[in-house]
């Protein structure tokens, strides 16, 4: 009987061993599941925050695109207006040329009989002046701004009081502005405004002056010039552009 007791105890211990091991395996499994759940929840939270940030960035990009589209529309409208003003100016130029050419022959009969050479010389001089002006304009049309500036300044040196002088100063200012010669541009635009304030080119010259001031980072003077442009020439195309710029402040 005494010999059977240790054997019974040994069997009891051997049967309890697997149960105890199973208990530890279950605790470990639960711990691993908990850790996996926490890790998964952390990843989900990180992903959610990333999606929210991405949505905010997309919204900001949409707003920026809308703003840029608005600026592009304004610039396209300004370019269209500039093209319209240039066409109107060329039409006016052609009209003035035709009037000048038609007036020249009419003056011949009333010229003194003793001086026919002088009468014939006047149309020739006018024709040369017109040709020089057209040559300078063609250089500007071709984008040769530096050459055009030199041509207009040479033209003004020969015909400072001619009928094309206001236009020559205006286009010389534009050519100078394109070459970043802001000082020369400012000078030419101011000549138009001071000597020929009633000329068709005067409103555009004032707009050019505002552009020159802006190119020198003198925003205050540029805004003041735009305001004066609206006040002096309210019906001009240049005034419309000035209003747009003033409204965009």
C-alpha atoms as a PDB file:
ATOM      1  CA  UNK A   1       0.000   0.000   0.000  1.00  0.00           C
ATOM      2  CA  UNK A   2       2.822   2.324   0.860  1.00  0.00           C
ATOM      3  CA  UNK A   3       4.413   1.562  -2.491  1.00  0.00           C
ATOM      4  CA  UNK A   4       1.221   2.544  -4.354  1.00  0.00           C
ATOM      5  CA  UNK A   5       1.042   6.067  -2.810  1.00  0.00           C
ATOM      6  CA  UNK A   6       4.035   7.587  -4.536  1.00  0.00           C
ATOM      7  CA  UNK A   7       2.819   6.122  -7.813  1.00  0.00           C
ATOM      8  CA  UNK A   8      -0.577   7.809  -7.375  1.00  0.00           C
ATOM      9  CA  UNK A   9       1.091  11.128  -6.557  1.00  0.00           C
ATOM     10  CA  UNK A  10       3.300  10.825  -9.609  1.00  0.00           C
ATOM     11  CA  UNK A  11       0.266  10.229 -11.839  1.00  0.00           C
ATOM     12  CA  UNK A  12      -1.555  13.237 -10.363  1.00  0.00           C
ATOM     13  CA  UNK A  13       1.415  15.503 -11.021  1.00  0.00           C
ATOM     14  CA  UNK A  14       1.817  14.252 -14.590  1.00  0.00           C
ATOM     15  CA  UNK A  15      -1.881  14.854 -15.347  1.00  0.00           C
ATOM     16  CA  UNK A  16      -1.780  18.436 -13.913  1.00  0.00           C
ATOM     17  CA  UNK A  17       1.267  19.422 -15.943  1.00  0.00           C
ATOM     18  CA  UNK A  18      -0.431  19.691 -19.378  1.00  0.00           C
ATOM     19  CA  UNK A  19      -3.355  21.632 -17.906  1.00  0.00           C
ATOM     20  CA  UNK A  20      -0.996  24.181 -16.350  1.00  0.00           C
ATOM     21  CA  UNK A  21       0.950  24.514 -19.627  1.00  0.00           C
ATOM     22  CA  UNK A  22      -2.311  25.042 -21.511  1.00  0.00           C
ATOM     23  CA  UNK A  23      -3.239  27.833 -19.129  1.00  0.00           C
ATOM     24  CA  UNK A  24       0.014  29.672 -19.856  1.00  0.00           C
ATOM     25  CA  UNK A  25      -0.423  29.198 -23.608  1.00  0.00           C
ATOM     26  CA  UNK A  26      -3.856  30.848 -23.453  1.00  0.00           C
ATOM     27  CA  UNK A  27      -2.539  33.883 -21.528  1.00  0.00           C
ATOM     28  CA  UNK A  28       0.269  34.357 -24.038  1.00  0.00           C
ATOM     29  CA  UNK A  29      -2.147  34.129 -26.955  1.00  0.00           C
ATOM     30  CA  UNK A  30      -4.408  36.740 -25.385  1.00  0.00           C
ATOM     31  CA  UNK A  31      -1.445  39.031 -24.796  1.00  0.00           C
ATOM     32  CA  UNK A  32      -0.358  38.737 -28.421  1.00  0.00           C
ATOM     33  CA  UNK A  33      -3.911  39.366 -29.641  1.00  0.00           C
ATOM     34  CA  UNK A  34      -4.118  42.488 -27.457  1.00  0.00           C
ATOM     35  CA  UNK A  35      -0.813  43.771 -28.812  1.00  0.00           C
ATOM     36  CA  UNK A  36      -1.928  43.110 -32.400  1.00  0.00           C
ATOM     37  CA  UNK A  37      -5.244  44.914 -31.760  1.00  0.00           C
ATOM     38  CA  UNK A  38      -3.412  47.935 -30.307  1.00  0.00           C
ATOM     39  CA  UNK A  39      -0.981  48.001 -33.231  1.00  0.00           C
ATOM     40  CA  UNK A  40      -3.857  47.765 -35.723  1.00  0.00           C
ATOM     41  CA  UNK A  41      -5.778  50.539 -33.994  1.00  0.00           C
ATOM     42  CA  UNK A  42      -2.644  52.703 -34.082  1.00  0.00           C
ATOM     43  CA  UNK A  43      -2.229  52.125 -37.802  1.00  0.00           C
ATOM     44  CA  UNK A  44      -5.898  52.935 -38.448  1.00  0.00           C
ATOM     45  CA  UNK A  45      -5.570  56.164 -36.450  1.00  0.00           C
ATOM     46  CA  UNK A  46      -2.428  57.171 -38.362  1.00  0.00           C
ATOM     47  CA  UNK A  47      -4.098  56.404 -41.678  1.00  0.00           C
ATOM     48  CA  UNK A  48      -7.159  58.437 -40.733  1.00  0.00           C
ATOM     49  CA  UNK A  49      -5.055  61.450 -39.801  1.00  0.00           C
ATOM     50  CA  UNK A  50      -3.173  61.142 -43.101  1.00  0.00           C
ATOM     51  CA  UNK A  51      -6.416  61.045 -45.068  1.00  0.00           C
ATOM     52  CA  UNK A  52      -7.715  64.136 -43.264  1.00  0.00           C
ATOM     53  CA  UNK A  53      -4.476  66.020 -43.973  1.00  0.00           C
ATOM     54  CA  UNK A  54      -4.608  64.942 -47.619  1.00  0.00           C
ATOM     55  CA  UNK A  55      -8.211  66.145 -47.902  1.00  0.00           C
ATOM     56  CA  UNK A  56      -7.219  69.524 -46.416  1.00  0.00           C
ATOM     57  CA  UNK A  57      -4.333  69.820 -48.851  1.00  0.00           C
ATOM     58  CA  UNK A  58      -6.637  68.994 -51.769  1.00  0.00           C
ATOM     59  CA  UNK A  59      -9.058  71.697 -50.640  1.00  0.00           C
ATOM     60  CA  UNK A  60      -6.227  74.233 -50.414  1.00  0.00           C
ATOM     61  CA  UNK A  61      -5.046  73.250 -53.899  1.00  0.00           C
ATOM     62  CA  UNK A  62      -8.563  73.695 -55.293  1.00  0.00           C
ATOM     63  CA  UNK A  63      -8.758  77.172 -53.759  1.00  0.00           C
ATOM     64  CA  UNK A  64      -5.332  78.075 -55.185  1.00  0.00           C
ATOM     65  CA  UNK A  65      -6.290  76.813 -58.639  1.00  0.00           C
ATOM     66  CA  UNK A  66      -9.490  78.872 -58.521  1.00  0.00           C
ATOM     67  CA  UNK A  67      -7.494  81.964 -57.533  1.00  0.00           C
ATOM     68  CA  UNK A  68      -4.962  81.425 -60.326  1.00  0.00           C
ATOM     69  CA  UNK A  69      -7.747  80.935 -62.846  1.00  0.00           C
ATOM     70  CA  UNK A  70      -9.208  84.270 -61.811  1.00  0.00           C
ATOM     71  CA  UNK A  71      -5.839  85.977 -62.281  1.00  0.00           C
ATOM     72  CA  UNK A  72      -5.395  84.330 -65.684  1.00  0.00           C
ATOM     73  CA  UNK A  73      -8.799  85.592 -66.793  1.00  0.00           C
ATOM     74  CA  UNK A  74      -7.886  89.122 -65.725  1.00  0.00           C
ATOM     75  CA  UNK A  75      -4.548  88.918 -67.557  1.00  0.00           C
ATOM     76  CA  UNK A  76      -6.153  87.502 -70.697  1.00  0.00           C
ATOM     77  CA  UNK A  77      -8.698  90.313 -70.646  1.00  0.00           C
ATOM     78  CA  UNK A  78      -5.897  92.842 -70.242  1.00  0.00           C
ATOM     79  CA  UNK A  79      -3.955  91.335 -73.158  1.00  0.00           C
ATOM     80  CA  UNK A  80      -7.097  91.424 -75.285  1.00  0.00           C
ATOM     81  CA  UNK A  81      -7.669  95.067 -74.381  1.00  0.00           C
ATOM     82  CA  UNK A  82      -4.053  95.876 -75.166  1.00  0.00           C
ATOM     83  CA  UNK A  83      -4.372  94.254 -78.575  1.00  0.00           C
ATOM     84  CA  UNK A  84      -7.549  96.202 -79.195  1.00  0.00           C
ATOM     85  CA  UNK A  85      -5.850  99.468 -78.222  1.00  0.00           C
ATOM     86  CA  UNK A  86      -2.930  98.736 -80.528  1.00  0.00           C
ATOM     87  CA  UNK A  87      -5.253  97.987 -83.429  1.00  0.00           C
ATOM     88  CA  UNK A  88      -7.191 101.184 -82.749  1.00  0.00           C
ATOM     89  CA  UNK A  89      -3.965 103.135 -82.692  1.00  0.00           C
ATOM     90  CA  UNK A  90      -2.790 101.685 -85.987  1.00  0.00           C
ATOM     91  CA  UNK A  91      -6.167 102.504 -87.520  1.00  0.00           C
ATOM     92  CA  UNK A  92      -5.840 106.054 -86.236  1.00  0.00           C
ATOM     93  CA  UNK A  93      -2.310 106.200 -87.565  1.00  0.00           C
ATOM     94  CA  UNK A  94      -3.419 105.005 -90.991  1.00  0.00           C
ATOM     95  CA  UNK A  95      -6.243 107.547 -90.975  1.00  0.00           C
ATOM     96  CA  UNK A  96      -3.862 110.363 -90.138  1.00  0.00           C
ATOM     97  CA  UNK A  97      -1.461 109.222 -92.833  1.00  0.00           C
ATOM     98  CA  UNK A  98      -4.203 109.232 -95.439  1.00  0.00           C
ATOM     99  CA  UNK A  99      -5.358 112.705 -94.406  1.00  0.00           C
ATOM    100  CA  UNK A 100      -1.807 113.971 -94.608  1.00  0.00           C
ATOM    101  CA  UNK A 101      -1.224 112.430 -98.032  1.00  0.00           C
ATOM    102  CA  UNK A 102      -4.520 113.750 -99.364  1.00  0.00           C
ATOM    103  CA  UNK A 103      -3.821 117.224 -97.984  1.00  0.00           C
ATOM    104  CA  UNK A 104      -0.365 117.489 -99.538  1.00  0.00           C
ATOM    105  CA  UNK A 105      -1.412 117.497-103.241  1.00  0.00           C
ATOM    106  CA  UNK A 106      -4.250 119.933-102.487  1.00  0.00           C
ATOM    107  CA  UNK A 107      -1.748 122.495-101.225  1.00  0.00           C
ATOM    108  CA  UNK A 108       0.222 122.512-104.474  1.00  0.00           C
ATOM    109  CA  UNK A 109      -2.085 124.705-106.570  1.00  0.00           C
ATOM    110  CA  UNK A 110      -2.156 127.465-103.962  1.00  0.00           C
ATOM    111  CA  UNK A 111       1.626 127.546-103.637  1.00  0.00           C
ATOM    112  CA  UNK A 112       3.430 130.613-105.054  1.00  0.00           C
ATOM    113  CA  UNK A 113       4.220 130.219-108.751  1.00  0.00           C
ATOM    114  CA  UNK A 114       7.769 131.357-108.197  1.00  0.00           C
ATOM    115  CA  UNK A 115       8.625 128.534-105.836  1.00  0.00           C
ATOM    116  CA  UNK A 116       7.560 125.189-107.305  1.00  0.00           C
ATOM    117  CA  UNK A 117      10.588 123.288-105.934  1.00  0.00           C
ATOM    118  CA  UNK A 118       9.538 124.057-102.344  1.00  0.00           C
ATOM    119  CA  UNK A 119       6.017 122.863-103.007  1.00  0.00           C
ATOM    120  CA  UNK A 120       7.259 119.569-104.408  1.00  0.00           C
ATOM    121  CA  UNK A 121       9.756 119.151-101.591  1.00  0.00           C
ATOM    122  CA  UNK A 122       7.111 119.223 -98.837  1.00  0.00           C
ATOM    123  CA  UNK A 123       5.371 115.989 -99.875  1.00  0.00           C
ATOM    124  CA  UNK A 124       8.739 114.292-100.307  1.00  0.00           C
ATOM    125  CA  UNK A 125       9.766 115.244 -96.761  1.00  0.00           C
ATOM    126  CA  UNK A 126       6.425 114.057 -95.416  1.00  0.00           C
ATOM    127  CA  UNK A 127       6.851 110.771 -97.237  1.00  0.00           C
ATOM    128  CA  UNK A 128      10.292 110.230 -95.704  1.00  0.00           C
ATOM    129  CA  UNK A 129       8.950 111.036 -92.229  1.00  0.00           C
ATOM    130  CA  UNK A 130       6.117 108.556 -92.679  1.00  0.00           C
ATOM    131  CA  UNK A 131       8.502 105.871 -93.953  1.00  0.00           C
ATOM    132  CA  UNK A 132      10.880 106.357 -91.010  1.00  0.00           C
ATOM    133  CA  UNK A 133       7.997 106.071 -88.579  1.00  0.00           C
ATOM    134  CA  UNK A 134       6.713 102.903 -90.245  1.00  0.00           C
ATOM    135  CA  UNK A 135      10.199 101.375 -90.163  1.00  0.00           C
ATOM    136  CA  UNK A 136      10.440 101.964 -86.412  1.00  0.00           C
ATOM    137  CA  UNK A 137       6.958 100.502 -85.900  1.00  0.00           C
ATOM    138  CA  UNK A 138       7.867  97.411 -87.907  1.00  0.00           C
ATOM    139  CA  UNK A 139      10.886  96.792 -85.679  1.00  0.00           C
ATOM    140  CA  UNK A 140       8.599  96.937 -82.648  1.00  0.00           C
ATOM    141  CA  UNK A 141       6.092  94.565 -84.254  1.00  0.00           C
ATOM    142  CA  UNK A 142       8.920  92.085 -84.907  1.00  0.00           C
ATOM    143  CA  UNK A 143       9.885  92.120 -81.226  1.00  0.00           C
ATOM    144  CA  UNK A 144      13.187  93.924 -81.875  1.00  0.00           C
ATOM    145  CA  UNK A 145      12.639  96.230 -78.936  1.00  0.00           C
ATOM    146  CA  UNK A 146      16.171  97.572 -78.562  1.00  0.00           C
ATOM    147  CA  UNK A 147      16.423  98.375 -82.271  1.00  0.00           C
ATOM    148  CA  UNK A 148      12.938  99.910 -82.214  1.00  0.00           C
ATOM    149  CA  UNK A 149      13.896 102.165 -79.298  1.00  0.00           C
ATOM    150  CA  UNK A 150      16.926 103.416 -81.203  1.00  0.00           C
ATOM    151  CA  UNK A 151      14.834 103.937 -84.342  1.00  0.00           C
ATOM    152  CA  UNK A 152      12.142 105.934 -82.523  1.00  0.00           C
ATOM    153  CA  UNK A 153      14.695 108.092 -80.715  1.00  0.00           C
ATOM    154  CA  UNK A 154      16.465 108.720 -84.027  1.00  0.00           C
ATOM    155  CA  UNK A 155      13.099 109.599 -85.556  1.00  0.00           C
ATOM    156  CA  UNK A 156      12.359 112.073 -82.759  1.00  0.00           C
ATOM    157  CA  UNK A 157      15.753 113.696 -83.191  1.00  0.00           C
ATOM    158  CA  UNK A 158      14.792 114.471 -86.830  1.00  0.00           C
ATOM    159  CA  UNK A 159      11.062 115.162 -86.409  1.00  0.00           C
ATOM    160  CA  UNK A 160      10.632 116.395 -82.830  1.00  0.00           C
ATOM    161  CA  UNK A 161       7.641 118.581 -83.769  1.00  0.00           C
ATOM    162  CA  UNK A 162       6.104 116.387 -86.451  1.00  0.00           C
ATOM    163  CA  UNK A 163       2.601 114.973 -86.396  1.00  0.00           C
ATOM    164  CA  UNK A 164       3.969 111.538 -85.477  1.00  0.00           C
ATOM    165  CA  UNK A 165       5.924 112.804 -82.450  1.00  0.00           C
ATOM    166  CA  UNK A 166       3.323 111.821 -79.782  1.00  0.00           C
ATOM    167  CA  UNK A 167       3.068 108.303 -81.164  1.00  0.00           C
ATOM    168  CA  UNK A 168       6.840 108.038 -81.505  1.00  0.00           C
ATOM    169  CA  UNK A 169       7.345 108.961 -77.843  1.00  0.00           C
ATOM    170  CA  UNK A 170       4.628 106.515 -76.787  1.00  0.00           C
ATOM    171  CA  UNK A 171       6.075 103.577 -78.723  1.00  0.00           C
ATOM    172  CA  UNK A 172       9.611 104.499 -77.687  1.00  0.00           C
ATOM    173  CA  UNK A 173       8.406 104.257 -74.072  1.00  0.00           C
ATOM    174  CA  UNK A 174       6.957 100.816 -74.728  1.00  0.00           C
ATOM    175  CA  UNK A 175      10.138  99.626 -76.410  1.00  0.00           C
ATOM    176  CA  UNK A 176      12.237 100.970 -73.525  1.00  0.00           C
ATOM    177  CA  UNK A 177      10.007  99.241 -70.981  1.00  0.00           C
ATOM    178  CA  UNK A 178      10.428  95.939 -72.825  1.00  0.00           C
ATOM    179  CA  UNK A 179      14.215  96.312 -72.655  1.00  0.00           C
ATOM    180  CA  UNK A 180      13.937  97.163 -68.925  1.00  0.00           C
ATOM    181  CA  UNK A 181      15.221 100.687 -69.563  1.00  0.00           C
ATOM    182  CA  UNK A 182      12.693 102.068 -67.108  1.00  0.00           C
ATOM    183  CA  UNK A 183      14.238 105.535 -66.938  1.00  0.00           C
ATOM    184  CA  UNK A 184      13.895 106.047 -70.713  1.00  0.00           C
ATOM    185  CA  UNK A 185      10.368 104.630 -70.673  1.00  0.00           C
ATOM    186  CA  UNK A 186       9.335 107.040 -67.917  1.00  0.00           C
ATOM    187  CA  UNK A 187      10.848 109.962 -69.818  1.00  0.00           C
ATOM    188  CA  UNK A 188       9.006 109.185 -73.069  1.00  0.00           C
ATOM    189  CA  UNK A 189       5.645 108.599 -71.384  1.00  0.00           C
ATOM    190  CA  UNK A 190       5.953 111.864 -69.461  1.00  0.00           C
ATOM    191  CA  UNK A 191       6.744 113.773 -72.661  1.00  0.00           C
ATOM    192  CA  UNK A 192       3.445 112.604 -74.165  1.00  0.00           C
ATOM    193  CA  UNK A 193       1.495 113.557 -71.047  1.00  0.00           C
ATOM    194  CA  UNK A 194       3.136 116.961 -70.686  1.00  0.00           C
ATOM    195  CA  UNK A 195       3.186 118.077 -74.349  1.00  0.00           C
ATOM    196  CA  UNK A 196       0.175 116.282 -75.850  1.00  0.00           C
ATOM    197  CA  UNK A 197      -2.321 115.489 -73.047  1.00  0.00           C
ATOM    198  CA  UNK A 198      -5.168 115.490 -75.574  1.00  0.00           C
ATOM    199  CA  UNK A 199      -3.535 113.083 -78.015  1.00  0.00           C
ATOM    200  CA  UNK A 200      -5.165 109.616 -78.446  1.00  0.00           C
ATOM    201  CA  UNK A 201      -1.973 108.049 -77.115  1.00  0.00           C
ATOM    202  CA  UNK A 202      -2.079 110.015 -73.815  1.00  0.00           C
ATOM    203  CA  UNK A 203      -4.239 107.517 -71.822  1.00  0.00           C
ATOM    204  CA  UNK A 204      -2.023 104.623 -72.884  1.00  0.00           C
ATOM    205  CA  UNK A 205       1.063 106.687 -72.078  1.00  0.00           C
ATOM    206  CA  UNK A 206      -0.278 107.203 -68.552  1.00  0.00           C
ATOM    207  CA  UNK A 207      -0.866 103.456 -68.238  1.00  0.00           C
ATOM    208  CA  UNK A 208       2.690 102.919 -69.462  1.00  0.00           C
ATOM    209  CA  UNK A 209       3.930 105.361 -66.823  1.00  0.00           C
ATOM    210  CA  UNK A 210       2.121 103.342 -64.132  1.00  0.00           C
ATOM    211  CA  UNK A 211       3.791 100.192 -65.476  1.00  0.00           C
ATOM    212  CA  UNK A 212       7.184 101.909 -65.307  1.00  0.00           C
ATOM    213  CA  UNK A 213       6.597 102.957 -61.707  1.00  0.00           C
ATOM    214  CA  UNK A 214       5.539  99.409 -60.827  1.00  0.00           C
ATOM    215  CA  UNK A 215       8.695  98.076 -62.492  1.00  0.00           C
ATOM    216  CA  UNK A 216      10.673 100.283 -60.085  1.00  0.00           C
ATOM    217  CA  UNK A 217       8.675  98.774 -57.172  1.00  0.00           C
ATOM    218  CA  UNK A 218       7.085 102.175 -56.543  1.00  0.00           C
ATOM    219  CA  UNK A 219       3.635 100.742 -55.936  1.00  0.00           C
ATOM    220  CA  UNK A 220       2.271 103.870 -54.277  1.00  0.00           C
ATOM    221  CA  UNK A 221       3.112 106.099 -57.273  1.00  0.00           C
ATOM    222  CA  UNK A 222       1.807 103.479 -59.677  1.00  0.00           C
ATOM    223  CA  UNK A 223      -1.553 103.311 -57.893  1.00  0.00           C
ATOM    224  CA  UNK A 224      -1.751 107.111 -57.824  1.00  0.00           C
ATOM    225  CA  UNK A 225      -1.070 107.289 -61.583  1.00  0.00           C
ATOM    226  CA  UNK A 226      -3.776 104.688 -62.257  1.00  0.00           C
ATOM    227  CA  UNK A 227      -6.241 106.750 -60.228  1.00  0.00           C
ATOM    228  CA  UNK A 228      -5.330 109.894 -62.199  1.00  0.00           C
ATOM    229  CA  UNK A 229      -5.773 107.937 -65.428  1.00  0.00           C
ATOM    230  CA  UNK A 230      -9.330 106.991 -64.456  1.00  0.00           C
ATOM    231  CA  UNK A 231     -10.093 110.588 -63.526  1.00  0.00           C
ATOM    232  CA  UNK A 232      -8.589 112.232 -66.637  1.00  0.00           C
ATOM    233  CA  UNK A 233      -9.592 109.719 -69.307  1.00  0.00           C
ATOM    234  CA  UNK A 234     -12.591 107.840 -67.880  1.00  0.00           C
ATOM    235  CA  UNK A 235     -13.885 106.632 -71.277  1.00  0.00           C
ATOM    236  CA  UNK A 236     -10.573 105.215 -72.527  1.00  0.00           C
ATOM    237  CA  UNK A 237      -9.683 101.543 -72.729  1.00  0.00           C
ATOM    238  CA  UNK A 238      -6.624 102.297 -70.597  1.00  0.00           C
ATOM    239  CA  UNK A 239      -8.938 103.580 -67.844  1.00  0.00           C
ATOM    240  CA  UNK A 240     -10.820 100.259 -67.883  1.00  0.00           C
ATOM    241  CA  UNK A 241      -7.577  98.397 -67.229  1.00  0.00           C
ATOM    242  CA  UNK A 242      -6.660 100.903 -64.527  1.00  0.00           C
ATOM    243  CA  UNK A 243     -10.005 100.263 -62.802  1.00  0.00           C
ATOM    244  CA  UNK A 244      -9.381  96.525 -62.890  1.00  0.00           C
ATOM    245  CA  UNK A 245      -5.975  96.951 -61.278  1.00  0.00           C
ATOM    246  CA  UNK A 246      -7.261  99.339 -58.652  1.00  0.00           C
ATOM    247  CA  UNK A 247     -10.105  96.953 -57.848  1.00  0.00           C
ATOM    248  CA  UNK A 248      -7.660  94.048 -57.447  1.00  0.00           C
ATOM    249  CA  UNK A 249      -5.779  95.736 -54.605  1.00  0.00           C
END
